[in-house]
Amino acid sequence: MTFTVPDMTCGHCKAAVEAAIAEAGGHATVDLAAKTVTVEGLEQTRAANAIRAAGYEVSPA
């Protein structure tokens, strides 16, 4: 599934989101230019909650 994360602006943001998804048991592919995150291995609510817990707003893309 893909999410829009409008607050991501830099490499640190990318790393923080990837780490949050990994800690939740999934895998994230981040596109900073598009401000999207594609997540595999997690259900939608858990993935969104992991991104929120990392400090970012998130919505389905």
N, C-alpha and C. Protein backbone atom coordinates (compact mmCIF):
# COMPACT_ATOMS: atom_id res chain seq x y z
N MET A 1 0.83 -1.17 0.00
CA MET A 1 0.00 0.00 0.00
C MET A 1 0.88 1.24 0.00
N THR A 2 0.32 2.34 -0.46
CA THR A 2 1.09 3.58 -0.54
C THR A 2 0.40 4.66 0.29
N PHE A 3 1.23 5.43 0.99
CA PHE A 3 0.75 6.52 1.82
C PHE A 3 1.38 7.82 1.36
N THR A 4 0.68 8.92 1.57
CA THR A 4 1.23 10.25 1.39
C THR A 4 1.69 10.75 2.75
N VAL A 5 2.95 11.23 2.81
CA VAL A 5 3.52 11.76 4.05
C VAL A 5 4.07 13.15 3.72
N PRO A 6 3.22 14.18 3.81
CA PRO A 6 3.60 15.51 3.33
C PRO A 6 4.73 16.18 4.09
N ASP A 7 5.00 15.74 5.32
CA ASP A 7 6.05 16.37 6.14
C ASP A 7 7.46 15.88 5.82
N MET A 8 7.61 14.85 5.00
CA MET A 8 8.95 14.34 4.69
C MET A 8 9.66 15.30 3.75
N THR A 9 10.85 15.76 4.16
CA THR A 9 11.56 16.73 3.33
C THR A 9 13.03 16.40 3.10
N CYS A 10 13.59 15.42 3.85
CA CYS A 10 15.03 15.21 3.76
C CYS A 10 15.39 13.74 4.01
N GLY A 11 16.67 13.46 3.94
CA GLY A 11 17.17 12.12 4.18
C GLY A 11 16.88 11.62 5.58
N HIS A 12 16.91 12.52 6.56
CA HIS A 12 16.60 12.12 7.93
C HIS A 12 15.15 11.66 8.03
N CYS A 13 14.25 12.38 7.38
CA CYS A 13 12.83 11.99 7.37
C CYS A 13 12.67 10.61 6.74
N LYS A 14 13.34 10.41 5.63
CA LYS A 14 13.29 9.12 4.92
C LYS A 14 13.75 8.00 5.84
N ALA A 15 14.88 8.20 6.49
CA ALA A 15 15.44 7.18 7.37
C ALA A 15 14.52 6.92 8.56
N ALA A 16 13.92 7.96 9.12
CA ALA A 16 13.04 7.80 10.27
C ALA A 16 11.80 6.99 9.91
N VAL A 17 11.22 7.26 8.75
CA VAL A 17 10.04 6.52 8.33
C VAL A 17 10.40 5.08 8.02
N GLU A 18 11.50 4.87 7.31
CA GLU A 18 11.93 3.50 7.01
C GLU A 18 12.19 2.71 8.29
N ALA A 19 12.83 3.33 9.27
CA ALA A 19 13.12 2.66 10.53
C ALA A 19 11.84 2.33 11.29
N ALA A 20 10.88 3.24 11.29
CA ALA A 20 9.61 3.01 11.99
C ALA A 20 8.87 1.83 11.39
N ILE A 21 8.85 1.74 10.08
CA ILE A 21 8.17 0.62 9.41
C ILE A 21 8.93 -0.68 9.68
N ALA A 22 10.25 -0.64 9.63
CA ALA A 22 11.05 -1.84 9.90
C ALA A 22 10.83 -2.34 11.32
N GLU A 23 10.77 -1.42 12.28
CA GLU A 23 10.54 -1.81 13.67
C GLU A 23 9.17 -2.45 13.85
N ALA A 24 8.21 -2.06 13.02
CA ALA A 24 6.86 -2.63 13.09
C ALA A 24 6.78 -3.96 12.34
N GLY A 25 7.87 -4.33 11.63
CA GLY A 25 7.91 -5.62 10.95
C GLY A 25 7.67 -5.57 9.45
N GLY A 26 7.71 -4.38 8.88
CA GLY A 26 7.48 -4.26 7.44
C GLY A 26 8.68 -3.70 6.71
N HIS A 27 8.48 -3.37 5.44
CA HIS A 27 9.52 -2.78 4.60
C HIS A 27 8.93 -1.57 3.90
N ALA A 28 9.66 -0.44 3.94
CA ALA A 28 9.19 0.80 3.33
C ALA A 28 10.10 1.23 2.20
N THR A 29 9.48 1.72 1.13
CA THR A 29 10.19 2.37 0.04
C THR A 29 9.70 3.81 0.00
N VAL A 30 10.62 4.76 0.22
CA VAL A 30 10.26 6.17 0.33
C VAL A 30 10.63 6.90 -0.95
N ASP A 31 9.71 7.72 -1.45
CA ASP A 31 9.96 8.62 -2.58
C ASP A 31 9.82 10.04 -2.03
N LEU A 32 10.95 10.67 -1.70
CA LEU A 32 10.91 12.01 -1.11
C LEU A 32 10.30 13.04 -2.07
N ALA A 33 10.62 12.94 -3.34
CA ALA A 33 10.11 13.92 -4.30
C ALA A 33 8.58 13.89 -4.36
N ALA A 34 8.01 12.70 -4.31
CA ALA A 34 6.56 12.56 -4.37
C ALA A 34 5.92 12.60 -2.98
N LYS A 35 6.77 12.55 -1.93
CA LYS A 35 6.31 12.51 -0.54
C LYS A 35 5.39 11.31 -0.29
N THR A 36 5.81 10.15 -0.82
CA THR A 36 5.04 8.93 -0.63
C THR A 36 5.90 7.84 -0.01
N VAL A 37 5.22 6.92 0.65
CA VAL A 37 5.86 5.75 1.25
C VAL A 37 5.06 4.53 0.82
N THR A 38 5.73 3.56 0.21
CA THR A 38 5.09 2.30 -0.14
C THR A 38 5.52 1.28 0.90
N VAL A 39 4.56 0.61 1.51
CA VAL A 39 4.83 -0.31 2.60
C VAL A 39 4.42 -1.72 2.21
N GLU A 40 5.29 -2.67 2.52
CA GLU A 40 5.00 -4.09 2.31
C GLU A 40 5.15 -4.81 3.64
N GLY A 41 4.33 -5.83 3.86
CA GLY A 41 4.49 -6.67 5.03
C GLY A 41 3.73 -6.24 6.27
N LEU A 42 2.94 -5.18 6.17
CA LEU A 42 2.13 -4.71 7.30
C LEU A 42 0.73 -4.41 6.81
N GLU A 43 -0.24 -4.53 7.70
CA GLU A 43 -1.57 -4.10 7.32
C GLU A 43 -1.64 -2.57 7.43
N GLN A 44 -2.60 -1.98 6.77
CA GLN A 44 -2.65 -0.53 6.58
C GLN A 44 -2.65 0.25 7.89
N THR A 45 -3.48 -0.13 8.84
CA THR A 45 -3.57 0.63 10.09
C THR A 45 -2.27 0.58 10.86
N ARG A 46 -1.65 -0.59 10.92
CA ARG A 46 -0.39 -0.72 11.66
C ARG A 46 0.71 0.12 11.00
N ALA A 47 0.76 0.11 9.67
CA ALA A 47 1.76 0.90 8.95
C ALA A 47 1.54 2.39 9.20
N ALA A 48 0.30 2.85 9.11
CA ALA A 48 0.00 4.27 9.33
C ALA A 48 0.35 4.67 10.76
N ASN A 49 0.03 3.81 11.71
CA ASN A 49 0.34 4.12 13.11
C ASN A 49 1.84 4.20 13.35
N ALA A 50 2.61 3.36 12.69
CA ALA A 50 4.07 3.39 12.83
C ALA A 50 4.63 4.71 12.29
N ILE A 51 4.10 5.18 11.17
CA ILE A 51 4.56 6.44 10.59
C ILE A 51 4.16 7.60 11.51
N ARG A 52 2.95 7.56 12.04
CA ARG A 52 2.52 8.61 12.98
C ARG A 52 3.39 8.62 14.23
N ALA A 53 3.73 7.43 14.73
CA ALA A 53 4.55 7.32 15.94
C ALA A 53 5.94 7.92 15.71
N ALA A 54 6.39 7.93 14.45
CA ALA A 54 7.69 8.53 14.12
C ALA A 54 7.58 10.05 14.02
N GLY A 55 6.35 10.58 14.12
CA GLY A 55 6.17 12.03 14.14
C GLY A 55 5.69 12.65 12.85
N TYR A 56 5.12 11.85 11.95
CA TYR A 56 4.71 12.35 10.65
C TYR A 56 3.21 12.16 10.44
N GLU A 57 2.61 13.14 9.76
CA GLU A 57 1.22 13.01 9.34
C GLU A 57 1.19 12.02 8.17
N VAL A 58 0.14 11.26 8.06
CA VAL A 58 0.06 10.25 7.02
C VAL A 58 -1.39 10.10 6.55
N SER A 59 -1.56 9.85 5.24
CA SER A 59 -2.87 9.55 4.69
C SER A 59 -2.69 8.58 3.52
N PRO A 60 -3.72 7.79 3.23
CA PRO A 60 -3.62 6.88 2.08
C PRO A 60 -3.39 7.69 0.79
N ALA A 61 -2.54 7.17 -0.08
CA ALA A 61 -2.26 7.88 -1.34
C ALA A 61 -3.29 7.52 -2.39
